[in-house]
């Protein structure tokens, strides 16, 4: 049996499930591309910026600015582009930038959560409507007069929609768990990188007696 015929046998509930599956794949591939670009480049960017920060703050800022299309680049650029900040301002700039980037990283989470919750319910709705069609075709008092074709179609609709709803929910749940795991890793990574950059600034770049960045003054 062809897929299209199997789809039609599932009844009208299959259409919203199809829409959810297409949207889930679309969101999933979009977020996968986002994470692929980030994970492939961020270690190199961090090494560049931190190495430059130990020698020349302006060079570190330039490297971060070149990478501002990525979350890690914008995160590092936020404190580096400040004009001679004190350590507290430097730290606050990193925190604010991290919060903004984490919001972007969590984009799509609510959609996946909604699909995980909604798809099984739509499948259950299809099950109920299929069973209703089955019972409507049964003639309890006259077995010979029962329309077995309609009964089988109703059972088939019930089973297909249940399976389809579970498949869409499982697909969305896989995407959701992968992306949440990546978001957690990035939170730890940003925290580690931010601490290292702040430590470099406190040790090398900031002159507490004058309240200015010594490396920038030298330039």
C-alpha atoms as a PDB file:
ATOM      1  CA  UNK A   1       0.000   0.000   0.000  1.00  0.00           C
ATOM      2  CA  UNK A   2       1.307   3.416  -0.923  1.00  0.00           C
ATOM      3  CA  UNK A   3       2.114   5.962   1.787  1.00  0.00           C
ATOM      4  CA  UNK A   4      -0.502   8.385   0.493  1.00  0.00           C
ATOM      5  CA  UNK A   5      -3.230   5.751   0.673  1.00  0.00           C
ATOM      6  CA  UNK A   6      -2.113   4.807   4.167  1.00  0.00           C
ATOM      7  CA  UNK A   7      -2.198   8.470   5.141  1.00  0.00           C
ATOM      8  CA  UNK A   8      -5.755   8.884   3.838  1.00  0.00           C
ATOM      9  CA  UNK A   9      -6.881   5.833   5.790  1.00  0.00           C
ATOM     10  CA  UNK A  10      -5.917   7.652   8.991  1.00  0.00           C
ATOM     11  CA  UNK A  11      -8.770  10.103   8.587  1.00  0.00           C
ATOM     12  CA  UNK A  12      -8.909  13.896   8.999  1.00  0.00           C
ATOM     13  CA  UNK A  13      -6.727  13.963  12.139  1.00  0.00           C
ATOM     14  CA  UNK A  14      -3.764  12.976   9.972  1.00  0.00           C
ATOM     15  CA  UNK A  15      -3.680  16.432   8.379  1.00  0.00           C
ATOM     16  CA  UNK A  16      -2.817  18.399  11.537  1.00  0.00           C
ATOM     17  CA  UNK A  17      -0.343  15.647  12.428  1.00  0.00           C
ATOM     18  CA  UNK A  18       1.252  16.063   9.002  1.00  0.00           C
ATOM     19  CA  UNK A  19       1.501  19.831   9.554  1.00  0.00           C
ATOM     20  CA  UNK A  20       3.113  19.292  12.949  1.00  0.00           C
ATOM     21  CA  UNK A  21       5.597  16.804  11.525  1.00  0.00           C
ATOM     22  CA  UNK A  22       6.631  19.208   8.746  1.00  0.00           C
ATOM     23  CA  UNK A  23       7.028  22.083  11.212  1.00  0.00           C
ATOM     24  CA  UNK A  24       8.971  19.860  13.603  1.00  0.00           C
ATOM     25  CA  UNK A  25      11.416  18.835  10.891  1.00  0.00           C
ATOM     26  CA  UNK A  26      11.736  22.431   9.729  1.00  0.00           C
ATOM     27  CA  UNK A  27      12.478  23.734  13.230  1.00  0.00           C
ATOM     28  CA  UNK A  28      14.735  20.773  13.903  1.00  0.00           C
ATOM     29  CA  UNK A  29      16.898  21.280  10.817  1.00  0.00           C
ATOM     30  CA  UNK A  30      17.050  25.029  11.423  1.00  0.00           C
ATOM     31  CA  UNK A  31      18.290  24.587  14.990  1.00  0.00           C
ATOM     32  CA  UNK A  32      20.634  21.769  13.950  1.00  0.00           C
ATOM     33  CA  UNK A  33      22.261  24.098  11.396  1.00  0.00           C
ATOM     34  CA  UNK A  34      22.560  26.808  14.067  1.00  0.00           C
ATOM     35  CA  UNK A  35      24.331  24.436  16.462  1.00  0.00           C
ATOM     36  CA  UNK A  36      26.523  22.938  13.757  1.00  0.00           C
ATOM     37  CA  UNK A  37      27.899  26.365  12.777  1.00  0.00           C
ATOM     38  CA  UNK A  38      28.436  27.335  16.399  1.00  0.00           C
ATOM     39  CA  UNK A  39      30.141  24.152  17.569  1.00  0.00           C
ATOM     40  CA  UNK A  40      32.448  23.983  14.551  1.00  0.00           C
ATOM     41  CA  UNK A  41      33.860  27.476  15.061  1.00  0.00           C
ATOM     42  CA  UNK A  42      33.563  28.545  18.679  1.00  0.00           C
ATOM     43  CA  UNK A  43      36.688  26.815  20.050  1.00  0.00           C
ATOM     44  CA  UNK A  44      38.849  28.481  17.407  1.00  0.00           C
ATOM     45  CA  UNK A  45      37.272  31.872  18.105  1.00  0.00           C
ATOM     46  CA  UNK A  46      37.757  31.523  21.857  1.00  0.00           C
ATOM     47  CA  UNK A  47      41.407  30.547  21.469  1.00  0.00           C
ATOM     48  CA  UNK A  48      42.004  33.516  19.173  1.00  0.00           C
ATOM     49  CA  UNK A  49      40.358  36.038  21.471  1.00  0.00           C
ATOM     50  CA  UNK A  50      41.892  34.782  24.715  1.00  0.00           C
ATOM     51  CA  UNK A  51      45.375  34.580  23.209  1.00  0.00           C
ATOM     52  CA  UNK A  52      45.087  38.108  21.830  1.00  0.00           C
ATOM     53  CA  UNK A  53      43.666  39.426  25.121  1.00  0.00           C
ATOM     54  CA  UNK A  54      46.893  38.463  26.909  1.00  0.00           C
ATOM     55  CA  UNK A  55      48.838  40.759  24.579  1.00  0.00           C
ATOM     56  CA  UNK A  56      46.573  43.362  22.982  1.00  0.00           C
ATOM     57  CA  UNK A  57      42.992  44.132  23.975  1.00  0.00           C
ATOM     58  CA  UNK A  58      42.309  45.929  20.714  1.00  0.00           C
ATOM     59  CA  UNK A  59      43.335  42.853  18.754  1.00  0.00           C
ATOM     60  CA  UNK A  60      41.115  40.682  20.939  1.00  0.00           C
ATOM     61  CA  UNK A  61      38.217  43.043  20.289  1.00  0.00           C
ATOM     62  CA  UNK A  62      38.899  42.861  16.548  1.00  0.00           C
ATOM     63  CA  UNK A  63      38.804  39.052  16.572  1.00  0.00           C
ATOM     64  CA  UNK A  64      35.564  39.044  18.570  1.00  0.00           C
ATOM     65  CA  UNK A  65      34.013  41.598  16.225  1.00  0.00           C
ATOM     66  CA  UNK A  66      34.840  39.445  13.214  1.00  0.00           C
ATOM     67  CA  UNK A  67      32.931  36.585  14.882  1.00  0.00           C
ATOM     68  CA  UNK A  68      29.906  38.610  15.980  1.00  0.00           C
ATOM     69  CA  UNK A  69      27.630  36.592  13.695  1.00  0.00           C
ATOM     70  CA  UNK A  70      27.966  33.763  16.259  1.00  0.00           C
ATOM     71  CA  UNK A  71      26.773  33.779  19.877  1.00  0.00           C
ATOM     72  CA  UNK A  72      30.270  33.236  21.277  1.00  0.00           C
ATOM     73  CA  UNK A  73      31.591  36.177  19.266  1.00  0.00           C
ATOM     74  CA  UNK A  74      28.894  38.532  20.535  1.00  0.00           C
ATOM     75  CA  UNK A  75      29.420  37.263  24.081  1.00  0.00           C
ATOM     76  CA  UNK A  76      33.146  38.010  23.997  1.00  0.00           C
ATOM     77  CA  UNK A  77      32.710  41.300  22.176  1.00  0.00           C
ATOM     78  CA  UNK A  78      30.320  42.781  24.756  1.00  0.00           C
ATOM     79  CA  UNK A  79      32.952  43.464  27.459  1.00  0.00           C
ATOM     80  CA  UNK A  80      35.855  43.989  25.058  1.00  0.00           C
ATOM     81  CA  UNK A  81      34.239  46.892  23.236  1.00  0.00           C
ATOM     82  CA  UNK A  82      33.698  48.849  26.458  1.00  0.00           C
ATOM     83  CA  UNK A  83      35.920  51.858  27.024  1.00  0.00           C
ATOM     84  CA  UNK A  84      38.186  51.147  29.996  1.00  0.00           C
ATOM     85  CA  UNK A  85      35.551  49.436  32.191  1.00  0.00           C
ATOM     86  CA  UNK A  86      36.110  48.565  35.835  1.00  0.00           C
ATOM     87  CA  UNK A  87      35.987  44.813  36.617  1.00  0.00           C
ATOM     88  CA  UNK A  88      32.390  44.959  37.837  1.00  0.00           C
ATOM     89  CA  UNK A  89      31.191  46.618  34.637  1.00  0.00           C
ATOM     90  CA  UNK A  90      33.229  44.123  32.620  1.00  0.00           C
ATOM     91  CA  UNK A  91      31.533  41.249  34.434  1.00  0.00           C
ATOM     92  CA  UNK A  92      28.045  42.726  34.072  1.00  0.00           C
ATOM     93  CA  UNK A  93      28.545  43.218  30.333  1.00  0.00           C
ATOM     94  CA  UNK A  94      29.403  39.530  29.960  1.00  0.00           C
ATOM     95  CA  UNK A  95      26.417  38.457  32.041  1.00  0.00           C
ATOM     96  CA  UNK A  96      23.994  40.584  30.029  1.00  0.00           C
ATOM     97  CA  UNK A  97      25.423  39.299  26.730  1.00  0.00           C
ATOM     98  CA  UNK A  98      25.226  35.683  27.946  1.00  0.00           C
ATOM     99  CA  UNK A  99      21.575  36.117  28.940  1.00  0.00           C
ATOM    100  CA  UNK A 100      20.720  37.466  25.485  1.00  0.00           C
ATOM    101  CA  UNK A 101      22.488  34.590  23.753  1.00  0.00           C
ATOM    102  CA  UNK A 102      20.888  31.937  25.954  1.00  0.00           C
ATOM    103  CA  UNK A 103      17.461  33.285  25.021  1.00  0.00           C
ATOM    104  CA  UNK A 104      18.333  32.809  21.341  1.00  0.00           C
ATOM    105  CA  UNK A 105      19.682  29.323  21.989  1.00  0.00           C
ATOM    106  CA  UNK A 106      16.411  28.296  23.638  1.00  0.00           C
ATOM    107  CA  UNK A 107      14.394  29.386  20.613  1.00  0.00           C
ATOM    108  CA  UNK A 108      12.179  26.553  19.469  1.00  0.00           C
ATOM    109  CA  UNK A 109      12.044  24.795  22.839  1.00  0.00           C
ATOM    110  CA  UNK A 110       8.444  25.798  23.508  1.00  0.00           C
ATOM    111  CA  UNK A 111       7.421  24.619  20.050  1.00  0.00           C
ATOM    112  CA  UNK A 112       8.963  21.171  20.587  1.00  0.00           C
ATOM    113  CA  UNK A 113       7.356  20.927  24.027  1.00  0.00           C
ATOM    114  CA  UNK A 114       3.984  21.787  22.493  1.00  0.00           C
ATOM    115  CA  UNK A 115       4.361  19.144  19.772  1.00  0.00           C
ATOM    116  CA  UNK A 116       5.372  16.509  22.330  1.00  0.00           C
ATOM    117  CA  UNK A 117       2.210  17.243  24.317  1.00  0.00           C
ATOM    118  CA  UNK A 118      -0.189  17.844  21.420  1.00  0.00           C
ATOM    119  CA  UNK A 119       0.674  15.054  18.969  1.00  0.00           C
ATOM    120  CA  UNK A 120      -0.353  12.128  21.239  1.00  0.00           C
ATOM    121  CA  UNK A 121      -3.593  13.937  22.022  1.00  0.00           C
ATOM    122  CA  UNK A 122      -4.350  14.307  18.321  1.00  0.00           C
ATOM    123  CA  UNK A 123      -3.538  10.623  17.882  1.00  0.00           C
ATOM    124  CA  UNK A 124      -5.894   9.798  20.721  1.00  0.00           C
ATOM    125  CA  UNK A 125      -8.576  11.953  19.109  1.00  0.00           C
ATOM    126  CA  UNK A 126      -8.151   9.985  15.891  1.00  0.00           C
ATOM    127  CA  UNK A 127      -8.415   6.769  17.878  1.00  0.00           C
ATOM    128  CA  UNK A 128     -11.694   7.886  19.398  1.00  0.00           C
ATOM    129  CA  UNK A 129     -13.176   8.968  16.063  1.00  0.00           C
ATOM    130  CA  UNK A 130     -12.022   5.706  14.467  1.00  0.00           C
ATOM    131  CA  UNK A 131     -13.635   3.642  17.210  1.00  0.00           C
ATOM    132  CA  UNK A 132     -16.828   5.663  16.871  1.00  0.00           C
ATOM    133  CA  UNK A 133     -16.870   4.829  13.156  1.00  0.00           C
ATOM    134  CA  UNK A 134     -16.267   1.185  14.025  1.00  0.00           C
ATOM    135  CA  UNK A 135     -19.152   0.980  16.463  1.00  0.00           C
ATOM    136  CA  UNK A 136     -21.428   2.819  14.054  1.00  0.00           C
ATOM    137  CA  UNK A 137     -20.831   0.091  11.495  1.00  0.00           C
ATOM    138  CA  UNK A 138     -21.498  -2.751  13.928  1.00  0.00           C
ATOM    139  CA  UNK A 139     -24.937  -4.327  14.101  1.00  0.00           C
ATOM    140  CA  UNK A 140     -24.807  -6.021  17.466  1.00  0.00           C
ATOM    141  CA  UNK A 141     -28.200  -7.649  17.035  1.00  0.00           C
ATOM    142  CA  UNK A 142     -27.460  -8.954  13.552  1.00  0.00           C
ATOM    143  CA  UNK A 143     -23.857 -10.089  13.076  1.00  0.00           C
ATOM    144  CA  UNK A 144     -24.453 -11.115   9.489  1.00  0.00           C
ATOM    145  CA  UNK A 145     -25.711  -7.635   8.709  1.00  0.00           C
ATOM    146  CA  UNK A 146     -22.612  -5.934  10.046  1.00  0.00           C
ATOM    147  CA  UNK A 147     -20.629  -3.903   7.515  1.00  0.00           C
ATOM    148  CA  UNK A 148     -17.218  -5.461   8.153  1.00  0.00           C
ATOM    149  CA  UNK A 149     -15.548  -3.135   5.656  1.00  0.00           C
ATOM    150  CA  UNK A 150     -16.539  -0.039   7.587  1.00  0.00           C
ATOM    151  CA  UNK A 151     -15.632  -1.682  10.870  1.00  0.00           C
ATOM    152  CA  UNK A 152     -12.154  -2.544   9.616  1.00  0.00           C
ATOM    153  CA  UNK A 153     -11.720   0.980   8.236  1.00  0.00           C
ATOM    154  CA  UNK A 154     -12.667   2.469  11.590  1.00  0.00           C
ATOM    155  CA  UNK A 155     -10.184   0.259  13.439  1.00  0.00           C
ATOM    156  CA  UNK A 156      -7.498   1.088  10.883  1.00  0.00           C
ATOM    157  CA  UNK A 157      -8.117   4.820  11.335  1.00  0.00           C
ATOM    158  CA  UNK A 158      -7.863   4.431  15.108  1.00  0.00           C
ATOM    159  CA  UNK A 159      -4.547   2.573  14.927  1.00  0.00           C
ATOM    160  CA  UNK A 160      -2.968   4.793  12.254  1.00  0.00           C
ATOM    161  CA  UNK A 161      -3.668   8.067  14.030  1.00  0.00           C
ATOM    162  CA  UNK A 162      -2.355   6.704  17.322  1.00  0.00           C
ATOM    163  CA  UNK A 163       0.859   5.570  15.663  1.00  0.00           C
ATOM    164  CA  UNK A 164       1.250   8.827  13.731  1.00  0.00           C
ATOM    165  CA  UNK A 165       0.737  10.936  16.856  1.00  0.00           C
ATOM    166  CA  UNK A 166       3.335   8.938  18.753  1.00  0.00           C
ATOM    167  CA  UNK A 167       5.855   9.146  15.880  1.00  0.00           C
ATOM    168  CA  UNK A 168       5.553  12.945  15.659  1.00  0.00           C
ATOM    169  CA  UNK A 169       5.822  13.285  19.447  1.00  0.00           C
ATOM    170  CA  UNK A 170       8.893  11.042  19.596  1.00  0.00           C
ATOM    171  CA  UNK A 171      10.542  12.991  16.786  1.00  0.00           C
ATOM    172  CA  UNK A 172       9.926  16.314  18.551  1.00  0.00           C
ATOM    173  CA  UNK A 173      11.117  14.874  21.873  1.00  0.00           C
ATOM    174  CA  UNK A 174      14.402  13.718  20.324  1.00  0.00           C
ATOM    175  CA  UNK A 175      15.044  17.184  18.893  1.00  0.00           C
ATOM    176  CA  UNK A 176      14.097  18.798  22.191  1.00  0.00           C
ATOM    177  CA  UNK A 177      16.364  16.633  24.335  1.00  0.00           C
ATOM    178  CA  UNK A 178      19.352  17.066  21.996  1.00  0.00           C
ATOM    179  CA  UNK A 179      19.000  20.847  21.879  1.00  0.00           C
ATOM    180  CA  UNK A 180      18.434  21.185  25.628  1.00  0.00           C
ATOM    181  CA  UNK A 181      21.589  19.149  26.215  1.00  0.00           C
ATOM    182  CA  UNK A 182      23.544  21.438  23.882  1.00  0.00           C
ATOM    183  CA  UNK A 183      22.137  24.508  25.627  1.00  0.00           C
ATOM    184  CA  UNK A 184      23.279  23.174  29.003  1.00  0.00           C
ATOM    185  CA  UNK A 185      26.761  22.522  27.640  1.00  0.00           C
ATOM    186  CA  UNK A 186      26.911  26.026  26.199  1.00  0.00           C
ATOM    187  CA  UNK A 187      25.912  27.555  29.520  1.00  0.00           C
ATOM    188  CA  UNK A 188      28.860  25.838  31.185  1.00  0.00           C
ATOM    189  CA  UNK A 189      31.153  26.742  28.284  1.00  0.00           C
ATOM    190  CA  UNK A 190      30.201  30.429  28.350  1.00  0.00           C
ATOM    191  CA  UNK A 191      30.715  30.472  32.117  1.00  0.00           C
ATOM    192  CA  UNK A 192      34.199  28.962  31.805  1.00  0.00           C
ATOM    193  CA  UNK A 193      35.287  31.197  28.929  1.00  0.00           C
ATOM    194  CA  UNK A 194      33.864  34.291  30.606  1.00  0.00           C
ATOM    195  CA  UNK A 195      35.720  33.560  33.834  1.00  0.00           C
ATOM    196  CA  UNK A 196      38.976  33.105  31.938  1.00  0.00           C
ATOM    197  CA  UNK A 197      38.551  36.356  30.026  1.00  0.00           C
ATOM    198  CA  UNK A 198      37.655  38.225  33.197  1.00  0.00           C
ATOM    199  CA  UNK A 199      40.696  36.789  34.974  1.00  0.00           C
ATOM    200  CA  UNK A 200      42.961  37.925  32.140  1.00  0.00           C
ATOM    201  CA  UNK A 201      41.441  41.380  32.343  1.00  0.00           C
ATOM    202  CA  UNK A 202      41.945  41.619  36.095  1.00  0.00           C
ATOM    203  CA  UNK A 203      45.532  40.371  35.903  1.00  0.00           C
ATOM    204  CA  UNK A 204      46.750  42.085  32.745  1.00  0.00           C
ATOM    205  CA  UNK A 205      44.330  44.588  31.333  1.00  0.00           C
ATOM    206  CA  UNK A 206      43.072  46.500  34.348  1.00  0.00           C
ATOM    207  CA  UNK A 207      45.104  48.972  36.381  1.00  0.00           C
ATOM    208  CA  UNK A 208      43.207  49.503  39.657  1.00  0.00           C
ATOM    209  CA  UNK A 209      45.212  52.562  40.658  1.00  0.00           C
ATOM    210  CA  UNK A 210      44.108  54.523  37.621  1.00  0.00           C
ATOM    211  CA  UNK A 211      40.841  52.684  36.955  1.00  0.00           C
ATOM    212  CA  UNK A 212      41.923  52.163  33.337  1.00  0.00           C
ATOM    213  CA  UNK A 213      42.946  49.286  31.137  1.00  0.00           C
ATOM    214  CA  UNK A 214      46.731  49.215  31.072  1.00  0.00           C
ATOM    215  CA  UNK A 215      46.953  47.335  27.764  1.00  0.00           C
ATOM    216  CA  UNK A 216      44.707  49.851  26.059  1.00  0.00           C
ATOM    217  CA  UNK A 217      46.664  52.741  27.549  1.00  0.00           C
ATOM    218  CA  UNK A 218      49.883  51.259  26.155  1.00  0.00           C
ATOM    219  CA  UNK A 219      48.312  51.363  22.733  1.00  0.00           C
END
